N, C-alpha and C. Protein backbone atom coordinates (compact mmCIF):
# COMPACT_ATOMS: atom_id res chain seq x y z
N PRO A 1 -152.48 92.31 111.85
CA PRO A 1 -152.98 92.06 110.58
C PRO A 1 -154.45 92.07 110.54
N LEU A 2 -155.04 92.38 109.43
CA LEU A 2 -156.52 92.36 109.19
C LEU A 2 -156.96 91.07 108.68
N VAL A 3 -158.17 90.58 109.07
CA VAL A 3 -158.66 89.32 108.54
C VAL A 3 -160.11 89.53 108.03
N CYS A 4 -160.56 88.64 107.16
CA CYS A 4 -161.92 88.52 106.70
C CYS A 4 -162.36 87.08 106.90
N ILE A 5 -163.60 86.90 107.27
CA ILE A 5 -164.17 85.55 107.35
C ILE A 5 -165.25 85.53 106.26
N TYR A 6 -165.22 84.56 105.29
CA TYR A 6 -166.16 84.47 104.26
C TYR A 6 -167.08 83.24 104.57
N LEU A 7 -168.37 83.52 104.29
CA LEU A 7 -169.38 82.55 104.60
C LEU A 7 -169.87 81.83 103.31
N ASN A 8 -170.09 80.54 103.42
CA ASN A 8 -170.73 79.73 102.30
C ASN A 8 -172.11 79.64 102.73
N LYS A 9 -172.98 80.40 102.29
CA LYS A 9 -174.41 80.46 102.72
C LYS A 9 -175.28 79.51 101.92
N TYR A 10 -174.72 78.84 100.91
CA TYR A 10 -175.56 78.15 100.01
C TYR A 10 -175.53 76.61 100.09
N GLY A 11 -174.87 76.12 101.19
CA GLY A 11 -174.86 74.68 101.45
C GLY A 11 -175.89 74.35 102.53
N LYS A 12 -175.77 73.13 103.06
CA LYS A 12 -176.74 72.77 104.11
C LYS A 12 -176.34 73.50 105.42
N VAL A 13 -177.17 74.01 106.09
CA VAL A 13 -176.90 74.69 107.43
C VAL A 13 -177.02 73.83 108.57
N GLY A 14 -177.59 72.62 108.43
CA GLY A 14 -177.74 71.75 109.61
C GLY A 14 -179.13 71.94 110.26
N PRO A 15 -179.42 71.13 111.30
CA PRO A 15 -180.74 71.10 111.92
C PRO A 15 -180.99 72.27 112.89
N HIS A 16 -179.88 72.96 113.30
CA HIS A 16 -180.08 73.95 114.34
C HIS A 16 -180.09 75.38 113.85
N LEU A 17 -179.81 75.67 112.56
CA LEU A 17 -179.85 77.00 112.04
C LEU A 17 -180.97 77.27 111.03
N ASP A 18 -181.46 78.50 111.09
CA ASP A 18 -182.55 78.87 110.22
C ASP A 18 -181.99 79.27 108.93
N HIS A 19 -182.35 78.54 107.90
CA HIS A 19 -181.83 78.76 106.52
C HIS A 19 -182.11 80.15 106.00
N GLN A 20 -183.29 80.61 106.24
CA GLN A 20 -183.64 82.03 105.81
C GLN A 20 -182.86 83.08 106.48
N ARG A 21 -182.52 82.88 107.78
CA ARG A 21 -181.70 83.92 108.55
C ARG A 21 -180.28 83.84 108.02
N ILE A 22 -179.77 82.63 107.70
CA ILE A 22 -178.39 82.49 107.22
C ILE A 22 -178.29 83.19 105.83
N GLN A 23 -179.26 83.11 105.02
CA GLN A 23 -179.27 83.77 103.77
C GLN A 23 -179.19 85.28 103.84
N GLN A 24 -179.63 85.84 104.97
CA GLN A 24 -179.69 87.29 105.15
C GLN A 24 -178.30 87.80 105.68
N LEU A 25 -177.47 86.96 106.10
CA LEU A 25 -176.24 87.39 106.63
C LEU A 25 -175.29 87.86 105.50
N PRO A 26 -174.31 88.68 105.82
CA PRO A 26 -173.41 89.21 104.72
C PRO A 26 -172.58 88.08 104.28
N ASP A 27 -171.96 88.26 103.04
CA ASP A 27 -171.11 87.28 102.46
C ASP A 27 -169.78 87.13 103.19
N HIS A 28 -169.38 88.23 103.84
CA HIS A 28 -168.19 88.07 104.69
C HIS A 28 -168.19 89.10 105.80
N PHE A 29 -167.37 88.91 106.75
CA PHE A 29 -167.18 89.76 107.91
C PHE A 29 -165.75 90.28 107.87
N GLY A 30 -165.54 91.55 108.09
CA GLY A 30 -164.24 92.11 108.06
C GLY A 30 -164.11 92.98 106.83
N PRO A 31 -162.91 93.51 106.67
CA PRO A 31 -161.68 93.24 107.36
C PRO A 31 -161.62 93.93 108.68
N GLY A 32 -160.84 93.36 109.55
CA GLY A 32 -160.68 93.88 110.90
C GLY A 32 -159.81 93.02 111.70
N ARG A 33 -159.67 93.44 112.98
CA ARG A 33 -158.89 92.72 113.87
C ARG A 33 -159.48 91.30 114.03
N ALA A 34 -158.70 90.19 114.10
CA ALA A 34 -159.23 88.87 114.23
C ALA A 34 -160.26 88.68 115.29
N SER A 35 -160.02 89.21 116.49
CA SER A 35 -160.92 88.98 117.60
C SER A 35 -162.28 89.67 117.27
N SER A 36 -162.18 90.79 116.65
CA SER A 36 -163.48 91.59 116.42
C SER A 36 -164.28 90.90 115.28
N VAL A 37 -163.63 90.46 114.29
CA VAL A 37 -164.31 89.78 113.08
C VAL A 37 -164.93 88.50 113.53
N LEU A 38 -164.09 87.71 114.38
CA LEU A 38 -164.66 86.47 114.87
C LEU A 38 -165.86 86.61 115.73
N GLN A 39 -165.79 87.61 116.61
CA GLN A 39 -166.94 87.90 117.49
C GLN A 39 -168.21 88.27 116.60
N GLN A 40 -168.03 89.12 115.63
CA GLN A 40 -169.17 89.50 114.73
C GLN A 40 -169.73 88.30 114.06
N CYS A 41 -168.89 87.40 113.53
CA CYS A 41 -169.31 86.20 112.88
C CYS A 41 -170.08 85.23 113.71
N VAL A 42 -169.52 85.03 114.94
CA VAL A 42 -170.16 84.05 115.85
C VAL A 42 -171.50 84.67 116.33
N GLN A 43 -171.54 85.91 116.65
CA GLN A 43 -172.81 86.49 117.06
C GLN A 43 -173.87 86.46 116.02
N ALA A 44 -173.50 86.63 114.78
CA ALA A 44 -174.47 86.45 113.66
C ALA A 44 -174.96 85.06 113.49
N CYS A 45 -174.02 84.16 113.68
CA CYS A 45 -174.49 82.73 113.54
C CYS A 45 -175.37 82.25 114.71
N VAL A 46 -175.00 82.72 115.89
CA VAL A 46 -175.91 82.44 117.10
C VAL A 46 -177.28 83.07 116.94
N GLY A 47 -177.28 84.23 116.31
CA GLY A 47 -178.56 84.97 116.04
C GLY A 47 -179.38 84.17 115.00
N SER A 48 -178.83 83.24 114.22
CA SER A 48 -179.53 82.50 113.21
C SER A 48 -179.94 81.16 113.70
N LEU A 49 -179.83 80.88 115.04
CA LEU A 49 -180.30 79.58 115.55
C LEU A 49 -181.77 79.54 115.58
N LEU A 50 -182.34 78.32 115.26
CA LEU A 50 -183.74 78.12 115.29
C LEU A 50 -184.11 78.18 116.86
N THR A 51 -185.33 78.73 117.08
CA THR A 51 -185.83 78.79 118.40
C THR A 51 -186.50 77.43 118.71
N ILE A 52 -186.03 76.74 119.66
CA ILE A 52 -186.62 75.47 120.06
C ILE A 52 -187.36 75.65 121.38
N LYS A 53 -188.60 75.29 121.32
CA LYS A 53 -189.48 75.39 122.48
C LYS A 53 -189.17 74.18 123.39
N PRO A 54 -188.89 74.42 124.76
CA PRO A 54 -188.69 73.29 125.58
C PRO A 54 -189.93 72.44 125.70
N GLN A 55 -189.63 71.12 125.77
CA GLN A 55 -190.81 70.27 125.91
C GLN A 55 -191.27 70.19 127.28
N SER A 56 -192.57 70.12 127.59
CA SER A 56 -193.02 70.15 128.93
C SER A 56 -192.99 68.79 129.46
N SER A 57 -192.58 68.63 130.77
CA SER A 57 -192.44 67.37 131.42
C SER A 57 -193.74 66.87 131.94
N PRO A 58 -194.01 65.53 131.78
CA PRO A 58 -195.25 64.99 132.29
C PRO A 58 -195.28 65.14 133.81
N ALA A 59 -196.44 65.48 134.32
CA ALA A 59 -196.50 65.73 135.85
C ALA A 59 -196.67 64.41 136.53
């Protein structure tokens, strides 16, 4: 069976996601095989993570 994953891009995205990048994602992924659609969706969300610079340790 084919599946679609729909995104609600208009709520709070939390502290780890970039709101502007989330807004640029498609409204849905699919239709397609569940594994392919899920992979596309997860990759897009991971691509929307904020870049966090590691803190330097005191010497």
